[in-house]
Amino acid sequence: MISRHSERLRVRHAPADIFALVSDVERYPDFIPYLTSLRILSRESSGSQLVFVAEAVARYKFARERFVTRVTADAAALRVSVNLVEGPFHILRNVWQMSELSDGSTAIDFELEFQFNNMVLDMLIRANKQRAVHKMIGHFVQEADRRYPVTGRASGPSDAGQ
């Protein structure tokens, strides 16, 4: 069964900064604890799009898995799309769509679809999906807070879910 998750959140950083963070996949292991390594296998650009294939190794509880994704980062559209090439998933799709709000902050529309090939791993992750996704998004928000200036209302931590 395919697990789907989508949500909209607001972060108090400029859309270009959030796009730069999400498209900087080589640095994910620096701030996402369950990613033990990530390397770019190929990279090509065309216009505002950068397309690359990335290999990652993730560890979650007792499982350690390697997977390869094709990432399309479109700077003009402020959109990062991730699709499975190979790995423990039957399906893996992820989209981050950034748009600027009137106060200069960013609305992020986040979509994730996945299904693991391993039924036990799929059930484990699906049972904790909401928590796992919020934790992952939280790592991105914390990294954005660390890297970039705050926009919008008075300074303070980013507002997830607004």
Protein backbone atom coordinates (compact mmCIF):
# COMPACT_ATOMS: atom_id res chain seq x y z
CA MET A 1 0.00 0.00 0.00
CA ILE A 2 1.33 3.42 -0.97
CA SER A 3 1.79 5.88 1.91
CA ARG A 4 1.10 9.50 1.06
CA HIS A 5 1.75 12.62 3.04
CA SER A 6 1.26 16.24 2.05
CA GLU A 7 1.27 19.43 4.01
CA ARG A 8 1.82 23.14 3.72
CA LEU A 9 4.06 24.95 6.12
CA ARG A 10 5.42 28.44 6.50
CA VAL A 11 9.04 29.17 7.24
CA ARG A 12 10.43 32.60 7.94
CA HIS A 13 13.16 32.52 5.34
CA ALA A 14 13.28 33.70 1.73
CA PRO A 15 12.08 31.20 -0.92
CA ALA A 16 15.45 31.28 -2.70
CA ASP A 17 17.18 30.32 0.57
CA ILE A 18 14.80 27.41 1.20
CA PHE A 19 15.22 26.26 -2.40
CA ALA A 20 19.03 26.40 -1.99
CA LEU A 21 18.81 24.35 1.21
CA VAL A 22 16.51 21.66 -0.22
CA SER A 23 18.51 21.36 -3.44
CA ASP A 24 21.84 21.10 -1.56
CA VAL A 25 21.48 17.34 -1.13
CA GLU A 26 25.21 16.71 -0.67
CA ARG A 27 24.99 18.41 2.74
CA TYR A 28 21.94 16.44 3.96
CA PRO A 29 24.08 14.09 6.10
CA ASP A 30 25.33 17.19 7.98
CA PHE A 31 21.87 17.87 9.42
CA ILE A 32 19.71 14.77 8.87
CA PRO A 33 20.88 12.24 11.47
CA TYR A 34 19.58 9.09 9.78
CA LEU A 35 21.44 9.77 6.51
CA THR A 36 24.89 8.30 6.98
CA SER A 37 26.20 9.23 3.52
CA LEU A 38 25.17 10.84 0.27
CA ARG A 39 27.06 11.30 -2.97
CA ILE A 40 26.24 12.69 -6.38
CA LEU A 41 26.65 10.09 -9.15
CA SER A 42 25.89 12.39 -12.09
CA ARG A 43 24.91 16.00 -12.66
CA GLU A 44 23.56 17.93 -15.65
CA SER A 45 21.97 21.32 -16.09
CA SER A 46 19.59 22.79 -18.61
CA GLY A 47 18.30 26.32 -18.24
CA SER A 48 17.03 26.83 -14.70
CA GLN A 49 17.03 23.08 -13.99
CA LEU A 50 19.77 21.09 -12.34
CA VAL A 51 19.22 17.33 -12.59
CA PHE A 52 21.36 14.90 -10.70
CA VAL A 53 21.41 11.32 -9.56
CA ALA A 54 22.28 10.86 -5.89
CA GLU A 55 23.09 7.76 -3.86
CA ALA A 56 22.21 7.82 -0.17
CA VAL A 57 22.61 5.44 2.74
CA ALA A 58 20.00 5.74 5.47
CA ARG A 59 19.82 4.08 8.86
CA TYR A 60 16.58 3.84 10.82
CA LYS A 61 16.41 1.71 13.96
CA PHE A 62 17.65 -1.74 12.90
CA ALA A 63 17.55 -1.09 9.14
CA ARG A 64 20.31 0.26 6.93
CA GLU A 65 19.37 0.87 3.31
CA ARG A 66 21.04 2.27 0.21
CA PHE A 67 18.95 4.01 -2.41
CA VAL A 68 19.47 6.08 -5.54
CA THR A 69 17.25 8.99 -6.57
CA ARG A 70 16.96 11.38 -9.47
CA VAL A 71 16.62 14.94 -8.20
CA THR A 72 15.35 17.79 -10.35
CA ALA A 73 15.95 21.23 -8.85
CA ASP A 74 14.21 23.94 -10.86
CA ALA A 75 15.36 27.36 -9.62
CA ALA A 76 12.86 29.29 -11.77
CA ALA A 77 9.91 27.30 -10.42
CA LEU A 78 11.35 27.04 -6.88
CA ARG A 79 10.60 23.31 -7.01
CA VAL A 80 12.65 20.26 -6.05
CA SER A 81 11.39 16.84 -7.17
CA VAL A 82 12.86 13.51 -6.10
CA ASN A 83 12.11 10.18 -7.80
CA LEU A 84 13.39 6.70 -7.10
CA VAL A 85 15.99 5.17 -9.41
CA GLU A 86 16.77 2.08 -7.31
CA GLY A 87 16.66 0.91 -3.74
CA PRO A 88 14.44 -0.61 -1.08
CA PHE A 89 11.36 1.25 -2.25
CA HIS A 90 8.72 0.13 -4.66
CA ILE A 91 7.76 3.81 -4.95
CA LEU A 92 9.48 6.97 -3.74
CA ARG A 93 8.39 10.43 -4.85
CA ASN A 94 8.96 13.69 -3.02
CA VAL A 95 8.22 17.27 -4.05
CA TRP A 96 9.10 20.53 -2.31
CA GLN A 97 7.35 23.54 -3.89
CA MET A 98 8.32 26.93 -2.47
CA SER A 99 6.38 30.16 -2.94
CA GLU A 100 6.87 33.61 -1.49
CA LEU A 101 4.30 35.00 0.93
CA SER A 102 3.45 38.70 1.16
CA ASP A 103 5.80 39.25 4.13
CA GLY A 104 8.80 37.68 2.33
CA SER A 105 8.58 34.36 4.13
CA THR A 106 8.04 31.06 2.32
CA ALA A 107 5.13 28.67 1.97
CA ILE A 108 6.34 25.14 1.35
CA ASP A 109 4.01 22.60 -0.19
CA PHE A 110 5.54 19.25 0.71
CA GLU A 111 4.42 15.96 -0.86
CA LEU A 112 5.76 12.48 -0.21
CA GLU A 113 4.69 9.09 -1.58
CA PHE A 114 6.48 5.90 -0.70
CA GLN A 115 6.15 2.17 -0.45
CA PHE A 116 8.97 -0.13 0.62
CA ASN A 117 9.62 -3.46 -1.07
CA ASN A 118 10.15 -5.04 2.37
CA MET A 119 6.73 -5.44 4.00
CA VAL A 120 8.09 -5.35 7.57
CA LEU A 121 10.05 -2.16 6.93
CA ASP A 122 7.05 -0.66 5.13
CA MET A 123 4.76 -1.38 8.10
CA LEU A 124 7.31 0.00 10.59
CA ILE A 125 7.76 3.25 8.70
CA ARG A 126 4.07 3.61 7.85
CA ALA A 127 3.14 3.22 11.53
CA ASN A 128 5.47 6.11 12.38
CA LYS A 129 5.01 8.08 9.15
CA GLN A 130 3.57 11.28 10.60
CA ARG A 131 6.24 11.49 13.28
CA ALA A 132 9.05 10.60 10.85
CA VAL A 133 7.97 13.18 8.25
CA HIS A 134 7.61 15.93 10.85
CA LYS A 135 11.03 15.06 12.24
CA MET A 136 12.58 15.20 8.78
CA ILE A 137 10.93 18.54 7.96
CA GLY A 138 12.02 19.79 11.39
CA HIS A 139 15.65 19.06 10.50
CA PHE A 140 15.30 21.22 7.38
CA VAL A 141 13.66 24.06 9.32
CA GLN A 142 16.38 23.96 11.99
CA GLU A 143 19.08 24.02 9.31
CA ALA A 144 17.35 26.95 7.56
CA ASP A 145 17.23 28.78 10.92
CA ARG A 146 20.95 28.15 11.32
CA ARG A 147 21.98 29.16 7.77
CA TYR A 148 19.70 32.00 6.73
CA PRO A 149 18.32 35.32 7.99
CA VAL A 150 14.74 35.43 9.20
CA THR A 151 12.15 37.22 7.04
CA GLY A 152 8.58 38.19 7.77
CA ARG A 153 7.37 38.95 11.29
CA ALA A 154 9.60 39.67 14.29
CA SER A 155 12.54 37.31 14.69
CA GLY A 156 12.15 33.91 16.31
CA PRO A 157 12.03 30.29 15.21
CA SER A 158 10.29 29.37 11.98
CA ASP A 159 6.58 28.63 12.11
CA ALA A 160 5.83 25.15 10.85
CA GLY A 161 2.28 24.57 9.75
CA GLN A 162 1.25 28.21 9.26
